[in-house]
Every structure is written in structure tokens, then in C-alpha cells.
Amino acid sequence: MNPVKANIVKNPLKYKFSSLKEYETEKNQIIHPRAIEVYKTEFMDFQEYLEFHNKGVQYVFIDIPDEVLLQQQERAAAMINQEAHLMGLETPKEIIEDIVLREKYKKKLQEELRISKRKAERLYRYVKRCIMKK
């Protein structure tokens, strides 16, 4: 699991086994030397590399079932925030409170995460609980 998400460290550069530090210093200990060569050809500098990786991954990767669920929950939360922003809404709570927007969001969950209607409903309930707590 990601050491930041697991609350091992707050900054991935501080994690002893993070490849980020190796890309920043361009000195490999963990990663393959070829990885740094590829990094140098793809990115102008470390800042560009970080910006690329901070854009947010749109996919859920097959992993341990608990991690798949965690990734889906994170993606569902990010999606509702993104949808609210794109619609010009003040908060994602407005999507939850509007039946048309809510159903549209659930459908988008199904399509983007490639999950069943039932799983989309469960994810929606999870996101709703998180948003209503705020």
C-alpha cells in the first residue's frame, strides 16, 4: 500500500523505500538504472515528474480485495468532487441532494469503474456518509 495513505509518512520523499527520492537525486538503489534514463527522457525536471504523478490516477488496479475497495472509494470521492466542480456547484452535497444529479453520478460510477449497479450504490452510500459527516 502507498506509505502516505497508510499513514507511515506524510511526505513520500521521507519514506526510506520510496523511488521518488531516487528520481529526485537521479541515483538508484531500489529502482532499475534504466528507469532513471527513461525518466530523464520523459521529463524536463523533477517538478514536472511530480506534477505528472499528482494529476490523479483514473483507474483502479486489481490488487488485494481490501485495496481494490479502498481504491474504488477514493476514486468515487474524487469523482463526486470533480463533478461538483465541473457543474459549478459549491459542494458535492448538492449532487447528493438532487435526484437527477445523484443518479447521473451513480451511472458514471458504474461506467468509469466498470462495476455493477449494486456496487455503484454501495460506493455512493459510502461517499454520501463521508460528505454528510463534514
N, C-alpha and C. Protein backbone atom coordinates (compact mmCIF):
# COMPACT_ATOMS: atom_id res chain seq x y z
N MET A 1 0.84 -1.18 0.00
CA MET A 1 0.00 0.00 0.00
C MET A 1 0.89 1.25 0.00
N ASN A 2 0.35 2.30 -0.47
CA ASN A 2 1.03 3.59 -0.51
C ASN A 2 1.37 4.03 0.92
N PRO A 3 2.65 4.35 1.22
CA PRO A 3 3.04 4.71 2.60
C PRO A 3 2.37 5.98 3.11
N VAL A 4 2.02 6.90 2.23
CA VAL A 4 1.32 8.12 2.66
C VAL A 4 -0.11 7.77 3.06
N LYS A 5 -0.78 6.98 2.23
CA LYS A 5 -2.16 6.58 2.53
C LYS A 5 -2.23 5.70 3.76
N ALA A 6 -1.16 4.94 4.01
CA ALA A 6 -1.10 4.06 5.18
C ALA A 6 -0.67 4.82 6.43
N ASN A 7 -0.45 6.14 6.30
CA ASN A 7 -0.03 7.00 7.41
C ASN A 7 1.31 6.60 8.02
N ILE A 8 2.19 6.06 7.18
CA ILE A 8 3.54 5.75 7.63
C ILE A 8 4.38 7.02 7.60
N VAL A 9 4.18 7.82 6.55
CA VAL A 9 4.84 9.11 6.40
C VAL A 9 3.85 10.10 5.81
N LYS A 10 4.10 11.37 6.01
CA LYS A 10 3.25 12.40 5.41
C LYS A 10 3.75 12.79 4.02
N ASN A 11 5.06 12.71 3.83
CA ASN A 11 5.68 13.09 2.57
C ASN A 11 6.39 11.86 1.99
N PRO A 12 6.04 11.44 0.77
CA PRO A 12 6.66 10.24 0.20
C PRO A 12 8.18 10.35 0.05
N LEU A 13 8.70 11.56 -0.05
CA LEU A 13 10.15 11.72 -0.16
C LEU A 13 10.86 11.34 1.14
N LYS A 14 10.12 11.31 2.24
CA LYS A 14 10.71 10.94 3.54
C LYS A 14 10.72 9.42 3.76
N TYR A 15 10.01 8.69 2.91
CA TYR A 15 9.91 7.23 3.07
C TYR A 15 11.19 6.56 2.57
N LYS A 16 11.78 5.75 3.42
CA LYS A 16 13.08 5.12 3.14
C LYS A 16 13.09 4.33 1.82
N PHE A 17 11.98 3.69 1.49
CA PHE A 17 11.93 2.83 0.32
C PHE A 17 11.20 3.47 -0.86
N SER A 18 11.10 4.78 -0.86
CA SER A 18 10.40 5.49 -1.93
C SER A 18 11.30 5.67 -3.15
N SER A 19 10.76 5.35 -4.31
CA SER A 19 11.51 5.57 -5.54
C SER A 19 11.56 7.06 -5.89
N LEU A 20 10.65 7.84 -5.32
CA LEU A 20 10.64 9.28 -5.61
C LEU A 20 11.98 9.94 -5.30
N LYS A 21 12.56 9.59 -4.18
CA LYS A 21 13.84 10.17 -3.78
C LYS A 21 14.91 9.84 -4.82
N GLU A 22 14.82 8.63 -5.37
CA GLU A 22 15.81 8.23 -6.37
C GLU A 22 15.64 9.01 -7.67
N TYR A 23 14.42 9.30 -8.04
CA TYR A 23 14.20 10.12 -9.23
C TYR A 23 14.65 11.56 -8.98
N GLU A 24 14.41 12.05 -7.76
CA GLU A 24 14.80 13.42 -7.43
C GLU A 24 16.33 13.57 -7.50
N THR A 25 17.05 12.61 -6.93
CA THR A 25 18.51 12.69 -6.88
C THR A 25 19.18 12.07 -8.11
N GLU A 26 18.39 11.34 -8.88
CA GLU A 26 18.88 10.61 -10.06
C GLU A 26 19.97 9.61 -9.69
N LYS A 27 19.83 9.03 -8.50
CA LYS A 27 20.73 7.98 -8.03
C LYS A 27 19.86 6.79 -7.63
N ASN A 28 20.12 5.64 -8.25
CA ASN A 28 19.28 4.48 -7.97
C ASN A 28 19.90 3.54 -6.95
N GLN A 29 19.04 3.05 -6.07
CA GLN A 29 19.39 1.98 -5.14
C GLN A 29 18.31 0.91 -5.21
N ILE A 30 17.07 1.34 -5.35
CA ILE A 30 15.94 0.41 -5.39
C ILE A 30 15.50 0.17 -6.83
N ILE A 31 15.36 1.22 -7.59
CA ILE A 31 14.84 1.09 -8.95
C ILE A 31 15.95 0.72 -9.93
N HIS A 32 15.56 0.22 -11.06
CA HIS A 32 16.49 -0.18 -12.10
C HIS A 32 17.16 1.07 -12.69
N PRO A 33 18.44 1.01 -13.02
CA PRO A 33 19.13 2.17 -13.59
C PRO A 33 18.46 2.69 -14.87
N ARG A 34 17.88 1.80 -15.63
CA ARG A 34 17.19 2.19 -16.87
C ARG A 34 16.00 3.10 -16.57
N ALA A 35 15.38 2.93 -15.41
CA ALA A 35 14.23 3.76 -15.03
C ALA A 35 14.62 5.24 -14.98
N ILE A 36 15.78 5.54 -14.47
CA ILE A 36 16.25 6.93 -14.39
C ILE A 36 16.54 7.46 -15.79
N GLU A 37 17.06 6.62 -16.65
CA GLU A 37 17.30 7.03 -18.04
C GLU A 37 15.98 7.40 -18.71
N VAL A 38 14.98 6.57 -18.53
CA VAL A 38 13.66 6.84 -19.12
C VAL A 38 13.08 8.12 -18.52
N TYR A 39 13.19 8.26 -17.21
CA TYR A 39 12.72 9.47 -16.52
C TYR A 39 13.33 10.73 -17.14
N LYS A 40 14.63 10.71 -17.39
CA LYS A 40 15.33 11.87 -17.95
C LYS A 40 14.85 12.21 -19.36
N THR A 41 14.46 11.18 -20.13
CA THR A 41 13.98 11.44 -21.49
C THR A 41 12.54 11.92 -21.51
N GLU A 42 11.76 11.56 -20.51
CA GLU A 42 10.33 11.89 -20.49
C GLU A 42 10.01 13.21 -19.79
N PHE A 43 10.84 13.61 -18.83
CA PHE A 43 10.53 14.80 -18.03
C PHE A 43 11.70 15.77 -18.03
N MET A 44 11.36 17.06 -18.07
CA MET A 44 12.39 18.10 -18.07
C MET A 44 13.10 18.19 -16.73
N ASP A 45 12.32 18.01 -15.64
CA ASP A 45 12.89 18.08 -14.30
C ASP A 45 11.99 17.33 -13.32
N PHE A 46 12.43 17.27 -12.08
CA PHE A 46 11.69 16.52 -11.06
C PHE A 46 10.32 17.13 -10.81
N GLN A 47 10.20 18.45 -10.88
CA GLN A 47 8.92 19.12 -10.65
C GLN A 47 7.89 18.67 -11.69
N GLU A 48 8.30 18.58 -12.94
CA GLU A 48 7.39 18.12 -13.99
C GLU A 48 6.96 16.68 -13.73
N TYR A 49 7.89 15.87 -13.25
CA TYR A 49 7.60 14.48 -12.90
C TYR A 49 6.54 14.42 -11.79
N LEU A 50 6.72 15.24 -10.76
CA LEU A 50 5.75 15.27 -9.66
C LEU A 50 4.38 15.73 -10.14
N GLU A 51 4.35 16.77 -10.95
CA GLU A 51 3.08 17.27 -11.47
C GLU A 51 2.36 16.20 -12.27
N PHE A 52 3.10 15.46 -13.07
CA PHE A 52 2.51 14.38 -13.85
C PHE A 52 1.87 13.34 -12.94
N HIS A 53 2.57 12.96 -11.89
CA HIS A 53 2.06 11.92 -10.98
C HIS A 53 0.98 12.43 -10.03
N ASN A 54 0.91 13.72 -9.82
CA ASN A 54 -0.11 14.27 -8.93
C ASN A 54 -1.42 14.58 -9.63
N LYS A 55 -1.48 14.37 -10.93
CA LYS A 55 -2.71 14.64 -11.66
C LYS A 55 -3.84 13.73 -11.20
N GLY A 56 -3.51 12.59 -10.67
CA GLY A 56 -4.53 11.67 -10.18
C GLY A 56 -4.78 10.55 -11.16
N VAL A 57 -4.71 9.38 -10.64
CA VAL A 57 -4.93 8.20 -11.46
C VAL A 57 -6.43 7.96 -11.57
N GLN A 58 -6.87 7.69 -12.78
CA GLN A 58 -8.28 7.48 -13.05
C GLN A 58 -8.68 6.02 -12.95
N TYR A 59 -7.75 5.15 -12.68
CA TYR A 59 -8.03 3.73 -12.75
C TYR A 59 -7.93 3.08 -11.39
N VAL A 60 -8.61 1.94 -11.27
CA VAL A 60 -8.50 1.10 -10.09
C VAL A 60 -7.72 -0.13 -10.54
N PHE A 61 -6.67 -0.45 -9.83
CA PHE A 61 -5.84 -1.57 -10.21
C PHE A 61 -6.24 -2.80 -9.42
N ILE A 62 -6.23 -3.94 -10.08
CA ILE A 62 -6.59 -5.19 -9.43
C ILE A 62 -5.49 -5.49 -8.42
N ASP A 63 -5.92 -5.74 -7.21
CA ASP A 63 -4.98 -5.92 -6.11
C ASP A 63 -5.68 -6.77 -5.06
N ILE A 64 -5.25 -6.66 -3.84
CA ILE A 64 -5.90 -7.33 -2.73
C ILE A 64 -7.31 -6.76 -2.63
N PRO A 65 -8.35 -7.60 -2.41
CA PRO A 65 -9.73 -7.10 -2.38
C PRO A 65 -9.95 -5.85 -1.52
N ASP A 66 -9.34 -5.80 -0.34
CA ASP A 66 -9.50 -4.61 0.51
C ASP A 66 -8.92 -3.37 -0.15
N GLU A 67 -7.80 -3.54 -0.85
CA GLU A 67 -7.18 -2.40 -1.52
C GLU A 67 -7.99 -1.97 -2.74
N VAL A 68 -8.61 -2.93 -3.43
CA VAL A 68 -9.47 -2.60 -4.56
C VAL A 68 -10.62 -1.74 -4.06
N LEU A 69 -11.24 -2.15 -2.96
CA LEU A 69 -12.35 -1.39 -2.39
C LEU A 69 -11.88 0.00 -1.98
N LEU A 70 -10.73 0.09 -1.34
CA LEU A 70 -10.18 1.38 -0.92
C LEU A 70 -9.93 2.28 -2.14
N GLN A 71 -9.36 1.72 -3.19
CA GLN A 71 -9.13 2.50 -4.41
C GLN A 71 -10.44 2.97 -5.03
N GLN A 72 -11.45 2.10 -5.03
CA GLN A 72 -12.75 2.48 -5.57
C GLN A 72 -13.38 3.59 -4.74
N GLN A 73 -13.27 3.49 -3.43
CA GLN A 73 -13.83 4.53 -2.56
C GLN A 73 -13.13 5.86 -2.79
N GLU A 74 -11.81 5.83 -2.91
CA GLU A 74 -11.06 7.07 -3.17
C GLU A 74 -11.45 7.67 -4.51
N ARG A 75 -11.57 6.81 -5.52
CA ARG A 75 -11.94 7.29 -6.85
C ARG A 75 -13.35 7.85 -6.85
N ALA A 76 -14.29 7.18 -6.15
CA ALA A 76 -15.68 7.66 -6.08
C ALA A 76 -15.74 9.02 -5.40
N ALA A 77 -14.97 9.21 -4.34
CA ALA A 77 -14.94 10.50 -3.64
C ALA A 77 -14.34 11.58 -4.55
N ALA A 78 -13.28 11.24 -5.25
CA ALA A 78 -12.67 12.21 -6.16
C ALA A 78 -13.63 12.56 -7.30
N MET A 79 -14.37 11.57 -7.77
CA MET A 79 -15.31 11.80 -8.88
C MET A 79 -16.43 12.75 -8.49
N ILE A 80 -16.98 12.60 -7.27
CA ILE A 80 -18.08 13.48 -6.89
C ILE A 80 -17.59 14.91 -6.70
N ASN A 81 -16.37 15.05 -6.17
CA ASN A 81 -15.79 16.40 -6.04
C ASN A 81 -15.54 17.02 -7.40
N GLN A 82 -15.03 16.22 -8.31
CA GLN A 82 -14.76 16.71 -9.66
C GLN A 82 -16.07 17.09 -10.37
N GLU A 83 -17.08 16.25 -10.25
CA GLU A 83 -18.37 16.54 -10.88
C GLU A 83 -18.97 17.83 -10.33
N ALA A 84 -18.90 18.00 -9.02
CA ALA A 84 -19.44 19.22 -8.40
C ALA A 84 -18.70 20.44 -8.94
N HIS A 85 -17.40 20.33 -9.03
CA HIS A 85 -16.59 21.44 -9.54
C HIS A 85 -16.96 21.76 -10.99
N LEU A 86 -17.04 20.72 -11.82
CA LEU A 86 -17.36 20.92 -13.24
C LEU A 86 -18.75 21.51 -13.45
N MET A 87 -19.67 21.20 -12.54
CA MET A 87 -21.04 21.71 -12.65
C MET A 87 -21.17 23.10 -12.04
N GLY A 88 -20.11 23.58 -11.43
CA GLY A 88 -20.15 24.90 -10.80
C GLY A 88 -20.92 24.90 -9.48
N LEU A 89 -21.00 23.75 -8.84
CA LEU A 89 -21.70 23.65 -7.56
C LEU A 89 -20.75 24.05 -6.43
N GLU A 90 -21.33 24.52 -5.35
CA GLU A 90 -20.49 24.92 -4.21
C GLU A 90 -19.91 23.73 -3.47
N THR A 91 -20.72 22.67 -3.36
CA THR A 91 -20.25 21.48 -2.65
C THR A 91 -20.80 20.22 -3.33
N PRO A 92 -20.14 19.08 -3.12
CA PRO A 92 -20.65 17.82 -3.67
C PRO A 92 -21.97 17.40 -3.01
N LYS A 93 -22.26 17.99 -1.87
CA LYS A 93 -23.51 17.69 -1.17
C LYS A 93 -24.72 18.01 -2.07
N GLU A 94 -24.56 18.99 -2.95
CA GLU A 94 -25.64 19.36 -3.85
C GLU A 94 -25.97 18.24 -4.83
N ILE A 95 -24.99 17.43 -5.18
CA ILE A 95 -25.24 16.27 -6.05
C ILE A 95 -26.07 15.25 -5.29
N ILE A 96 -25.73 15.03 -4.03
CA ILE A 96 -26.45 14.07 -3.20
C ILE A 96 -27.91 14.49 -3.01
N GLU A 97 -28.12 15.77 -2.87
CA GLU A 97 -29.47 16.28 -2.59
C GLU A 97 -30.36 16.38 -3.83
N ASP A 98 -29.80 16.30 -5.02
CA ASP A 98 -30.58 16.41 -6.26
C ASP A 98 -30.69 15.03 -6.91
N ILE A 99 -31.90 14.50 -7.03
CA ILE A 99 -32.08 13.14 -7.52
C ILE A 99 -31.53 12.91 -8.93
N VAL A 100 -31.68 13.89 -9.79
CA VAL A 100 -31.18 13.75 -11.17
C VAL A 100 -29.66 13.70 -11.18
N LEU A 101 -29.03 14.63 -10.46
CA LEU A 101 -27.57 14.64 -10.39
C LEU A 101 -27.03 13.40 -9.69
N ARG A 102 -27.73 12.98 -8.66
CA ARG A 102 -27.32 11.79 -7.90
C ARG A 102 -27.33 10.55 -8.80
N GLU A 103 -28.39 10.37 -9.56
CA GLU A 103 -28.49 9.20 -10.44
C GLU A 103 -27.44 9.25 -11.55
N LYS A 104 -27.18 10.44 -12.05
CA LYS A 104 -26.16 10.63 -13.08
C LYS A 104 -24.78 10.25 -12.52
N TYR A 105 -24.52 10.64 -11.28
CA TYR A 105 -23.26 10.31 -10.62
C TYR A 105 -23.12 8.79 -10.44
N LYS A 106 -24.19 8.14 -10.00
CA LYS A 106 -24.13 6.69 -9.81
C LYS A 106 -23.86 5.98 -11.14
N LYS A 107 -24.49 6.47 -12.19
CA LYS A 107 -24.28 5.88 -13.52
C LYS A 107 -22.82 6.07 -13.95
N LYS A 108 -22.27 7.23 -13.67
CA LYS A 108 -20.87 7.50 -14.01
C LYS A 108 -19.94 6.57 -13.21
N LEU A 109 -20.29 6.31 -11.95
CA LEU A 109 -19.51 5.36 -11.15
C LEU A 109 -19.47 4.00 -11.84
N GLN A 110 -20.64 3.54 -12.26
CA GLN A 110 -20.74 2.25 -12.93
C GLN A 110 -19.85 2.20 -14.17
N GLU A 111 -19.95 3.23 -14.98
CA GLU A 111 -19.24 3.25 -16.26
C GLU A 111 -17.73 3.39 -16.08
N GLU A 112 -17.31 4.34 -15.27
CA GLU A 112 -15.87 4.60 -15.14
C GLU A 112 -15.14 3.52 -14.34
N LEU A 113 -15.81 2.98 -13.33
CA LEU A 113 -15.16 1.95 -12.51
C LEU A 113 -15.49 0.54 -13.01
N ARG A 114 -16.37 0.47 -14.01
CA ARG A 114 -16.80 -0.81 -14.58
C ARG A 114 -17.30 -1.75 -13.50
N ILE A 115 -18.28 -1.27 -12.78
CA ILE A 115 -18.86 -2.04 -11.68
C ILE A 115 -20.36 -2.17 -11.89
N SER A 116 -20.97 -3.06 -11.12
CA SER A 116 -22.41 -3.28 -11.22
C SER A 116 -23.17 -2.13 -10.59
N LYS A 117 -24.45 -2.09 -10.88
CA LYS A 117 -25.32 -1.06 -10.30
C LYS A 117 -25.32 -1.18 -8.77
N ARG A 118 -25.32 -2.41 -8.28
CA ARG A 118 -25.32 -2.66 -6.83
C ARG A 118 -24.05 -2.13 -6.17
N LYS A 119 -22.89 -2.38 -6.80
CA LYS A 119 -21.62 -1.88 -6.24
C LYS A 119 -21.56 -0.36 -6.31
N ALA A 120 -22.10 0.20 -7.39
CA ALA A 120 -22.13 1.67 -7.52
C ALA A 120 -22.99 2.26 -6.40
N GLU A 121 -24.08 1.62 -6.08
CA GLU A 121 -24.96 2.08 -5.00
C GLU A 121 -24.22 2.04 -3.66
N ARG A 122 -23.47 0.97 -3.41
CA ARG A 122 -22.69 0.87 -2.17
C ARG A 122 -21.64 1.96 -2.09
N LEU A 123 -20.95 2.21 -3.20
CA LEU A 123 -19.95 3.28 -3.22
C LEU A 123 -20.60 4.63 -3.00
N TYR A 124 -21.75 4.84 -3.62
CA TYR A 124 -22.47 6.10 -3.44
C TYR A 124 -22.81 6.30 -1.96
N ARG A 125 -23.30 5.26 -1.30
CA ARG A 125 -23.65 5.37 0.13
C ARG A 125 -22.42 5.70 0.97
N TYR A 126 -21.29 5.09 0.62
CA TYR A 126 -20.05 5.39 1.33
C TYR A 126 -19.69 6.88 1.17
N VAL A 127 -19.70 7.35 -0.08
CA VAL A 127 -19.36 8.74 -0.36
C VAL A 127 -20.35 9.67 0.34
N LYS A 128 -21.61 9.33 0.32
CA LYS A 128 -22.65 10.14 0.97
C LYS A 128 -22.36 10.27 2.47
N ARG A 129 -22.03 9.14 3.11
CA ARG A 129 -21.72 9.18 4.55
C ARG A 129 -20.54 10.11 4.83
N CYS A 130 -19.51 10.01 4.00
CA CYS A 130 -18.33 10.86 4.17
C CYS A 130 -18.66 12.33 4.02
N ILE A 131 -19.48 12.65 3.02
CA ILE A 131 -19.81 14.04 2.76
C ILE A 131 -20.75 14.60 3.82
N MET A 132 -21.68 13.80 4.27
CA MET A 132 -22.64 14.28 5.27
C MET A 132 -21.98 14.48 6.63
N LYS A 133 -20.86 13.80 6.90
CA LYS A 133 -20.13 13.97 8.17
C LYS A 133 -19.51 15.36 8.25
N LYS A 134 -19.14 15.92 7.09
CA LYS A 134 -18.42 17.22 7.05
C LYS A 134 -19.29 18.34 7.53
